[in-house]
Amino acid sequence: MSKKLLNILEEISSEIYAIVSVNKTLLDSVNSMIMRLLNDRYSRIVNYTSGDLDKAYITIGRSINSLKEKQLKAMEVGSDLDEGEIYDLTTLDLKMKVLDAAIISRKEARSKKGEHPVLHKHIDYPVFSVDNPRRASLAKLQKPNGIIIEKREGGYRQLYFKNENGMLLTDYDHKVFSSLCKICLDRGFPKEMHVEINEIIEEMNTPSPGGGDYQSVRDSLMDIYNTSVVFEDSITEDFGEDTSFEYHRIFQAFSATGKKFLSFKVLFQDYIHAALKNGDFVSINMYLMNDLTMDTARSLYKFILNEYSREEKEVYEFEFKTLRAHIDVDRSNDHRANQSIKKAFQELHSSGIISRIEDVKIGTGNWLYYVKPNTLQLRYAATNRGAERLSDPNRAIQQSFLFLDEVAAASHPHSE
């Protein structure tokens, strides 16, 4: 269990105990007090992942059961727990009530409309990787001056990626960027903004931010700024050492003072600012996003949202080699990459983002994934134009859902 979460539970339970121990008539108001505290000073507790809250619930539940079992044995001989144990049992019960309220609040937050924009273009093109490759693989991409230059192809789109810090942009960087875009939307689409680091931390739903969280955001912002891309529609020939390009930085300009800056000024690139103003994005639910434990699952969550927002289907078919290259997962091992993607789809299924997943082996080192989306969860992915389309009750079903029994009866063996 998270120590920071444990400390918050201790603070809340101690505060409520101090009140009700003096005024017993307030016992019936405990739940109301908890909700007031969670909505006020302890609102960040809802930012802990569902996994963190569930682990705390199990741990505290075991402690309660242990004390109650001891209490029952004591009562059999006409005794009871000592004063300290009775206090522990009371405060543990209060902690469980707090966790009940936090878990319910988080479930409600997960079911609401997503508010953090992710640009279609940043999903269509593999700008963000699942994670950074191993050091040896990364070294192969670096030029003598440490700059990474890479032509990414084989996915649904290709681009030319350049990073002056010798880093690839990951899912974490995408979350930072999405949070920055959310701030832009909330402020009415300014192209240039002055932003506090704390605002990014807040938008990322960081539960108990510390110095490491602030530094991670700083590092991410610098990596984003030091990244340039050339999209597929700008590519006219094969890349060579003599080729010249017009690089498009994700940030057109970025400025901050000092290594541990607490605020910065950012100027969005033209295509990004235009996309935000025109609604060319899908909206992710950051609570749901943070509950996903696998980086690959987070990438696939955005990918599925993007596909669904453009064309509703009862089933989507994705080829392993193309999908793997597009989300940039495990470049060196087909089997391991397939297992990662399958596990990620399974996590999306258990999280309610998709309703069904089936995979079929179609040859050496290749598979097909058949994915049925959960329309109740994904309906909020649509842009404004998509929302109008979704409101039409007579829209035609784009594709029949055929893969379940048919796939099971097919001659292709399933992968293990």
Protein backbone atom coordinates (compact mmCIF):
# COMPACT_ATOMS: atom_id res chain seq x y z
CA MET A 1 0.00 0.00 0.00
CA SER A 2 1.23 3.49 -0.83
CA LYS A 3 2.74 5.18 2.23
CA LYS A 4 1.39 8.53 1.08
CA LEU A 5 -2.11 7.07 0.77
CA LEU A 6 -1.74 5.49 4.23
CA ASN A 7 -0.76 8.89 5.68
CA ILE A 8 -3.82 10.56 4.13
CA LEU A 9 -6.11 7.86 5.55
CA GLU A 10 -4.47 8.29 8.95
CA GLU A 11 -4.98 12.06 8.87
CA ILE A 12 -8.65 11.82 7.88
CA SER A 13 -9.53 9.06 10.36
CA SER A 14 -7.71 10.83 13.22
CA GLU A 15 -9.50 14.10 12.45
CA ILE A 16 -12.94 12.48 12.39
CA TYR A 17 -12.20 10.41 15.51
CA ALA A 18 -11.20 13.54 17.42
CA ILE A 19 -14.58 15.09 16.55
CA VAL A 20 -16.88 12.14 17.25
CA SER A 21 -15.06 11.08 20.43
CA VAL A 22 -16.01 14.44 21.94
CA ASN A 23 -19.52 14.63 20.50
CA LYS A 24 -21.07 11.16 20.14
CA THR A 25 -24.18 12.64 18.50
CA LEU A 26 -22.11 13.24 15.37
CA LEU A 27 -21.58 9.51 14.77
CA ASP A 28 -24.47 9.46 12.28
CA SER A 29 -22.78 12.28 10.34
CA VAL A 30 -19.50 10.43 9.72
CA ASN A 31 -20.22 9.76 6.04
CA SER A 32 -21.15 13.41 5.48
CA MET A 33 -17.93 14.52 7.18
CA ILE A 34 -15.91 12.16 4.99
CA MET A 35 -17.46 13.51 1.80
CA ARG A 36 -16.82 17.11 2.89
CA LEU A 37 -13.17 16.31 3.62
CA LEU A 38 -12.74 14.46 0.31
CA ASN A 39 -14.32 17.32 -1.61
CA ASP A 40 -12.19 19.88 0.18
CA ARG A 41 -8.72 19.34 1.65
CA TYR A 42 -8.28 15.69 0.67
CA SER A 43 -9.64 15.75 -2.87
CA ARG A 44 -6.38 14.30 -4.23
CA ILE A 45 -7.14 10.91 -2.67
CA VAL A 46 -9.39 10.23 -5.68
CA ASN A 47 -6.30 10.57 -7.89
CA TYR A 48 -4.82 7.38 -6.48
CA THR A 49 -5.35 4.59 -8.96
CA SER A 50 -8.10 2.05 -8.48
CA GLY A 51 -5.35 -0.50 -7.90
CA ASP A 52 -3.86 1.58 -5.06
CA LEU A 53 -7.26 2.07 -3.44
CA ASP A 54 -8.13 -1.64 -3.77
CA LYS A 55 -4.80 -2.71 -2.22
CA ALA A 56 -5.38 -0.36 0.71
CA TYR A 57 -8.90 -1.73 1.11
CA ILE A 58 -7.63 -5.32 1.28
CA THR A 59 -4.78 -4.48 3.69
CA ILE A 60 -6.98 -2.52 6.09
CA GLY A 61 -9.74 -5.14 5.84
CA ARG A 62 -7.31 -7.82 6.96
CA SER A 63 -6.25 -5.71 9.94
CA ILE A 64 -9.90 -5.18 10.93
CA ASN A 65 -10.67 -8.90 10.65
CA SER A 66 -7.66 -9.75 12.78
CA LEU A 67 -8.70 -7.36 15.54
CA LYS A 68 -12.33 -8.47 15.41
CA GLU A 69 -11.28 -12.10 15.67
CA LYS A 70 -9.18 -11.21 18.70
CA GLN A 71 -12.12 -9.28 20.17
CA LEU A 72 -14.46 -12.26 19.79
CA LYS A 73 -12.01 -14.55 21.57
CA ALA A 74 -11.65 -12.00 24.36
CA MET A 75 -15.42 -11.68 24.73
CA GLU A 76 -15.75 -15.46 25.14
CA VAL A 77 -13.88 -15.15 28.44
CA GLY A 78 -15.68 -11.96 29.51
CA SER A 79 -12.96 -9.56 28.38
CA ASP A 80 -12.38 -7.12 25.54
CA LEU A 81 -9.62 -5.48 23.55
CA ASP A 82 -7.40 -3.03 25.39
CA GLU A 83 -7.91 0.72 24.93
CA GLY A 84 -5.27 1.03 22.22
CA GLU A 85 -6.72 -1.83 20.20
CA ILE A 86 -10.24 -0.40 20.44
CA TYR A 87 -8.89 2.90 19.10
CA ASP A 88 -7.13 1.05 16.26
CA LEU A 89 -10.32 -0.84 15.39
CA THR A 90 -12.36 2.37 15.37
CA THR A 91 -9.93 4.31 13.21
CA LEU A 92 -9.49 1.35 10.85
CA ASP A 93 -13.25 1.29 10.39
CA LEU A 94 -13.14 5.01 9.60
CA LYS A 95 -10.38 4.39 7.02
CA MET A 96 -12.56 1.79 5.33
CA LYS A 97 -15.42 4.29 5.12
CA VAL A 98 -13.04 6.83 3.57
CA LEU A 99 -11.85 4.23 1.04
CA ASP A 100 -15.45 3.30 0.22
CA ALA A 101 -16.19 6.92 -0.62
CA ALA A 102 -12.95 7.35 -2.59
CA ILE A 103 -13.51 4.18 -4.63
CA ILE A 104 -17.08 5.22 -5.49
CA SER A 105 -15.90 8.72 -6.47
CA ARG A 106 -13.15 7.31 -8.68
CA LYS A 107 -15.56 4.93 -10.42
CA GLU A 108 -17.82 7.88 -11.15
CA ALA A 109 -14.87 9.91 -12.48
CA ARG A 110 -13.82 7.00 -14.74
CA SER A 111 -17.27 6.84 -16.29
CA LYS A 112 -17.45 10.53 -17.20
CA LYS A 113 -16.59 12.18 -20.48
CA GLY A 114 -12.90 12.50 -21.19
CA GLU A 115 -11.51 16.03 -21.05
CA HIS A 116 -7.87 15.70 -22.12
CA PRO A 117 -7.38 16.18 -25.87
CA VAL A 118 -5.10 13.91 -27.89
CA LEU A 119 -4.57 15.07 -31.46
CA HIS A 120 -5.60 12.72 -34.27
CA LYS A 121 -2.29 13.46 -35.96
CA HIS A 122 -0.28 12.36 -32.91
CA ILE A 123 -2.08 9.00 -32.97
CA ASP A 124 -2.08 8.58 -36.74
CA TYR A 125 1.69 9.07 -36.79
CA PRO A 126 3.96 7.27 -34.28
CA VAL A 127 5.28 10.42 -32.60
CA PHE A 128 5.07 8.85 -29.12
CA SER A 129 6.52 5.41 -28.36
CA VAL A 130 5.24 2.95 -25.78
CA ASP A 131 8.54 3.35 -23.96
CA ASN A 132 12.21 3.95 -24.64
CA PRO A 133 14.06 1.00 -26.20
CA ARG A 134 16.90 -0.70 -24.37
CA ARG A 135 20.09 1.33 -24.18
CA ALA A 136 21.78 -0.74 -26.91
CA SER A 137 18.85 -0.24 -29.30
CA LEU A 138 18.73 3.46 -28.51
CA ALA A 139 22.46 3.80 -29.15
CA LYS A 140 22.02 2.44 -32.68
CA LEU A 141 19.69 5.33 -33.46
CA GLN A 142 22.04 8.01 -32.19
CA LYS A 143 24.34 9.99 -34.40
CA PRO A 144 27.89 10.83 -33.24
CA ASN A 145 26.61 14.08 -31.72
CA GLY A 146 24.04 12.19 -29.61
CA ILE A 147 21.04 13.29 -31.66
CA ILE A 148 18.47 10.60 -32.49
CA ILE A 149 17.31 10.65 -36.10
CA GLU A 150 14.90 7.95 -37.20
CA LYS A 151 12.61 7.24 -40.10
CA ARG A 152 9.63 5.36 -38.66
CA GLU A 153 7.72 3.29 -41.15
CA GLY A 154 5.75 0.08 -41.43
CA GLY A 155 2.82 1.39 -39.40
CA TYR A 156 -0.31 3.16 -40.56
CA ARG A 157 1.69 6.36 -41.18
CA GLN A 158 5.37 7.18 -41.34
CA LEU A 159 7.34 10.15 -40.14
CA TYR A 160 10.86 11.39 -39.69
CA PHE A 161 11.65 11.81 -35.98
CA LYS A 162 14.50 13.85 -34.56
CA ASN A 163 15.35 14.47 -30.88
CA GLU A 164 18.29 16.58 -29.81
CA ASN A 165 18.35 15.09 -26.27
CA GLY A 166 18.93 11.57 -27.55
CA MET A 167 15.52 10.45 -26.27
CA LEU A 168 12.31 9.09 -27.77
CA LEU A 169 9.01 10.54 -26.65
CA THR A 170 7.01 8.06 -24.56
CA ASP A 171 3.47 7.68 -23.25
CA TYR A 172 4.42 9.78 -20.22
CA ASP A 173 5.39 12.64 -22.53
CA HIS A 174 2.05 12.24 -24.27
CA LYS A 175 0.24 12.65 -20.93
CA VAL A 176 2.22 15.80 -20.19
CA PHE A 177 1.44 17.19 -23.64
CA SER A 178 -2.26 16.25 -23.39
CA SER A 179 -2.47 18.03 -20.02
CA LEU A 180 -0.94 21.13 -21.59
CA CYS A 181 -3.51 20.96 -24.41
CA LYS A 182 -6.29 20.66 -21.82
CA ILE A 183 -5.08 23.91 -20.24
CA CYS A 184 -5.12 25.52 -23.69
CA LEU A 185 -8.74 24.44 -24.24
CA ASP A 186 -9.79 25.69 -20.81
CA ARG A 187 -8.25 29.10 -21.52
CA GLY A 188 -9.97 29.55 -24.87
CA PHE A 189 -7.29 28.30 -27.32
CA PRO A 190 -4.43 30.81 -26.88
CA LYS A 191 -1.51 29.94 -29.15
CA GLU A 192 1.00 31.23 -26.60
CA MET A 193 0.59 30.55 -22.88
CA HIS A 194 2.31 31.10 -19.56
CA VAL A 195 1.87 27.91 -17.54
CA GLU A 196 2.77 26.84 -14.00
CA ILE A 197 4.30 23.38 -13.58
CA ASN A 198 1.77 22.80 -10.83
CA GLU A 199 -1.03 23.17 -13.39
CA ILE A 200 0.42 20.27 -15.41
CA ILE A 201 0.76 18.18 -12.23
CA GLU A 202 -2.88 18.92 -11.40
CA GLU A 203 -4.15 18.03 -14.88
CA MET A 204 -2.25 14.73 -14.78
CA ASN A 205 -4.22 13.81 -11.63
CA THR A 206 -1.03 13.28 -9.63
CA PRO A 207 -2.21 12.11 -6.17
CA SER A 208 0.61 13.32 -3.87
CA PRO A 209 3.11 15.28 -5.96
CA GLY A 210 6.70 15.55 -4.82
CA GLY A 211 9.95 16.91 -6.17
CA GLY A 212 10.41 13.91 -8.45
CA ASP A 213 7.06 14.53 -10.14
CA TYR A 214 7.97 18.16 -10.86
CA GLN A 215 11.35 17.16 -12.28
CA SER A 216 9.78 14.49 -14.48
CA VAL A 217 7.44 17.09 -15.98
CA ARG A 218 10.35 19.49 -16.54
CA ASP A 219 12.38 16.79 -18.28
CA SER A 220 9.39 15.81 -20.39
CA LEU A 221 8.74 19.39 -21.51
CA MET A 222 12.37 19.76 -22.57
CA ASP A 223 12.29 16.45 -24.47
CA ILE A 224 9.11 17.54 -26.26
CA TYR A 225 10.64 20.89 -27.15
CA ASN A 226 13.78 19.22 -28.49
CA THR A 227 11.77 16.96 -30.80
CA SER A 228 11.16 17.72 -34.46
CA VAL A 229 9.05 15.72 -36.89
CA VAL A 230 8.35 15.57 -40.61
CA PHE A 231 5.00 13.92 -41.36
CA GLU A 232 4.32 11.51 -44.21
CA ASP A 233 2.60 14.08 -46.41
CA SER A 234 5.80 16.17 -46.33
CA ILE A 235 8.01 13.28 -47.45
CA THR A 236 8.77 13.20 -51.16
CA GLU A 237 11.79 10.94 -51.39
CA ASP A 238 13.83 8.39 -49.48
CA PHE A 239 15.87 9.84 -46.66
CA GLY A 240 19.57 10.19 -47.25
CA GLU A 241 22.51 11.99 -45.73
CA ASP A 242 22.14 14.84 -48.25
CA THR A 243 18.38 15.27 -47.78
CA SER A 244 17.24 18.57 -46.29
CA PHE A 245 14.03 18.94 -44.32
CA GLU A 246 11.75 21.53 -42.86
CA TYR A 247 11.49 20.34 -39.28
CA HIS A 248 8.32 20.95 -37.32
CA ARG A 249 8.97 21.26 -33.60
CA ILE A 250 6.03 20.25 -31.45
CA PHE A 251 6.58 23.50 -29.56
CA GLN A 252 7.37 26.42 -31.83
CA ALA A 253 8.99 28.20 -28.88
CA PHE A 254 9.62 27.37 -25.24
CA SER A 255 11.18 29.47 -22.49
CA ALA A 256 11.79 29.02 -18.76
CA THR A 257 14.22 30.36 -16.16
CA GLY A 258 16.57 28.11 -14.21
CA LYS A 259 16.99 24.31 -14.15
CA LYS A 260 14.16 23.85 -11.65
CA PHE A 261 11.72 26.23 -13.24
CA LEU A 262 8.24 26.38 -11.73
CA SER A 263 6.65 28.10 -14.71
CA PHE A 264 7.29 28.41 -18.44
CA LYS A 265 6.03 30.06 -21.59
CA VAL A 266 5.12 27.94 -24.58
CA LEU A 267 4.15 28.77 -28.17
CA PHE A 268 2.29 25.97 -29.96
CA GLN A 269 3.21 24.92 -33.47
CA ASP A 270 0.67 26.08 -36.08
CA TYR A 271 -0.74 22.63 -36.89
CA ILE A 272 -1.25 21.86 -33.19
CA HIS A 273 -3.01 25.11 -32.42
CA ALA A 274 -5.23 24.69 -35.51
CA ALA A 275 -6.09 21.11 -34.51
CA LEU A 276 -7.14 22.20 -31.02
CA LYS A 277 -9.31 25.02 -32.37
CA ASN A 278 -10.89 22.79 -35.04
CA GLY A 279 -11.61 19.89 -32.70
CA ASP A 280 -9.29 17.51 -34.53
CA PHE A 281 -8.70 15.37 -31.47
CA VAL A 282 -10.16 12.67 -29.25
CA SER A 283 -10.65 13.17 -25.53
CA ILE A 284 -9.15 10.68 -23.09
CA ASN A 285 -10.36 10.13 -19.54
CA MET A 286 -7.24 10.72 -17.43
CA TYR A 287 -8.62 8.72 -14.48
CA LEU A 288 -9.20 5.73 -16.73
CA MET A 289 -5.86 6.28 -18.45
CA ASN A 290 -3.99 6.29 -15.13
CA ASP A 291 -5.73 3.10 -14.02
CA LEU A 292 -4.20 1.20 -16.95
CA THR A 293 -1.05 -0.48 -15.67
CA MET A 294 0.60 -1.26 -19.02
CA ASP A 295 2.16 1.40 -21.25
CA THR A 296 1.08 -0.64 -24.27
CA ALA A 297 -2.52 -0.61 -23.00
CA ARG A 298 -2.43 3.18 -22.70
CA SER A 299 -1.21 3.50 -26.28
CA LEU A 300 -3.88 1.10 -27.52
CA TYR A 301 -6.55 2.98 -25.54
CA LYS A 302 -5.79 6.16 -27.49
CA PHE A 303 -5.51 4.21 -30.74
CA ILE A 304 -8.94 2.55 -30.27
CA LEU A 305 -10.50 5.90 -29.33
CA ASN A 306 -9.08 7.41 -32.49
CA GLU A 307 -10.39 4.62 -34.71
CA TYR A 308 -13.83 4.66 -33.09
CA SER A 309 -14.21 8.43 -33.28
CA ARG A 310 -13.69 8.35 -37.06
CA GLU A 311 -15.68 5.28 -38.01
CA GLU A 312 -17.91 3.25 -35.75
CA LYS A 313 -17.62 -0.46 -36.33
CA GLU A 314 -18.86 -3.45 -34.43
CA VAL A 315 -15.46 -5.01 -34.87
CA TYR A 316 -12.00 -3.72 -35.76
CA GLU A 317 -9.35 -5.84 -37.41
CA PHE A 318 -5.68 -5.04 -36.82
CA GLU A 319 -2.65 -6.84 -38.22
CA PHE A 320 0.14 -7.42 -35.70
CA LYS A 321 3.05 -6.24 -37.82
CA THR A 322 1.37 -2.99 -38.77
CA LEU A 323 -0.02 -2.27 -35.31
CA ARG A 324 3.23 -3.17 -33.57
CA ALA A 325 5.21 -0.80 -35.81
CA HIS A 326 2.65 1.95 -35.35
CA ILE A 327 2.60 2.00 -31.54
CA ASP A 328 6.34 1.23 -31.55
CA VAL A 329 6.36 -1.69 -29.11
CA ASP A 330 9.25 -4.17 -28.63
CA ARG A 331 11.22 -3.75 -31.83
CA SER A 332 13.39 -6.87 -31.54
CA ASN A 333 11.15 -9.86 -30.74
CA ASP A 334 7.92 -10.76 -32.56
CA HIS A 335 6.66 -13.24 -29.96
CA ARG A 336 7.31 -10.90 -27.04
CA ALA A 337 5.70 -7.99 -28.88
CA ASN A 338 2.61 -10.10 -29.64
CA GLN A 339 2.33 -11.14 -26.00
CA SER A 340 2.60 -7.50 -24.90
CA ILE A 341 -0.15 -6.43 -27.30
CA LYS A 342 -2.41 -9.34 -26.28
CA LYS A 343 -1.97 -8.56 -22.58
CA ALA A 344 -2.66 -4.89 -23.29
CA PHE A 345 -5.88 -5.73 -25.13
CA GLN A 346 -6.87 -7.99 -22.23
CA GLU A 347 -6.35 -5.09 -19.82
CA LEU A 348 -8.55 -2.89 -22.02
CA HIS A 349 -11.15 -5.64 -21.84
CA SER A 350 -11.00 -5.92 -18.06
CA SER A 351 -11.19 -2.12 -17.83
CA GLY A 352 -14.36 -2.05 -19.93
CA ILE A 353 -12.85 -0.16 -22.87
CA ILE A 354 -13.39 -3.06 -25.27
CA SER A 355 -15.99 -5.82 -25.04
CA ARG A 356 -14.13 -8.67 -26.72
CA ILE A 357 -10.70 -9.53 -28.08
CA GLU A 358 -9.69 -12.45 -30.28
CA ASP A 359 -6.36 -13.14 -31.97
CA VAL A 360 -5.66 -15.44 -34.92
CA LYS A 361 -2.25 -16.55 -36.14
CA ILE A 362 -1.95 -15.94 -39.88
CA GLY A 363 1.63 -16.93 -40.58
CA THR A 364 5.12 -16.89 -39.17
CA GLY A 365 5.47 -14.01 -36.77
CA ASN A 366 2.12 -12.46 -37.64
CA TRP A 367 -1.36 -12.36 -36.11
CA LEU A 368 -4.69 -10.67 -36.62
CA TYR A 369 -6.49 -9.04 -33.69
CA TYR A 370 -10.27 -8.72 -33.79
CA VAL A 371 -11.50 -6.12 -31.32
CA LYS A 372 -15.08 -5.34 -30.35
CA PRO A 373 -15.31 -1.87 -28.74
CA ASN A 374 -17.42 -1.01 -25.72
CA THR A 375 -19.61 1.72 -27.20
CA LEU A 376 -20.81 2.90 -23.76
CA GLN A 377 -17.22 3.69 -22.80
CA LEU A 378 -16.03 5.01 -26.16
CA ARG A 379 -18.98 7.22 -27.07
CA TYR A 380 -17.22 10.15 -25.41
CA ALA A 381 -14.23 9.80 -27.74
CA ALA A 382 -15.93 11.64 -30.59
CA THR A 383 -15.04 15.16 -31.57
CA ASN A 384 -17.79 17.75 -32.00
CA ARG A 385 -18.39 16.52 -35.54
CA GLY A 386 -18.36 12.96 -34.29
CA ALA A 387 -20.83 13.80 -31.54
CA GLU A 388 -23.36 14.91 -34.18
CA ARG A 389 -22.86 11.62 -35.98
CA LEU A 390 -23.31 9.63 -32.78
CA SER A 391 -26.62 11.35 -32.04
CA ASP A 392 -28.24 9.90 -35.17
CA PRO A 393 -30.26 6.85 -34.00
CA ASN A 394 -30.66 5.58 -37.57
CA ARG A 395 -26.98 5.41 -38.47
CA ALA A 396 -26.02 2.27 -40.33
CA ILE A 397 -23.80 -0.31 -38.74
CA GLN A 398 -20.48 -0.07 -40.53
CA GLN A 399 -19.39 -3.66 -40.30
CA SER A 400 -20.91 -6.91 -39.06
CA PHE A 401 -19.37 -8.52 -36.02
CA LEU A 402 -18.32 -11.91 -37.33
CA PHE A 403 -15.22 -12.99 -35.54
CA LEU A 404 -16.34 -14.98 -32.47
CA ASP A 405 -17.74 -18.38 -33.50
CA GLU A 406 -16.32 -17.99 -36.99
CA VAL A 407 -12.80 -17.50 -35.72
CA ALA A 408 -13.16 -20.39 -33.31
CA ALA A 409 -14.14 -22.60 -36.23
CA ALA A 410 -11.38 -21.35 -38.48
CA SER A 411 -8.44 -23.56 -39.32
CA HIS A 412 -5.89 -20.98 -38.13
CA PRO A 413 -4.50 -22.00 -34.73
CA HIS A 414 -4.63 -19.46 -31.92
CA SER A 415 -1.32 -18.23 -30.58
CA GLU A 416 -0.26 -19.38 -27.15
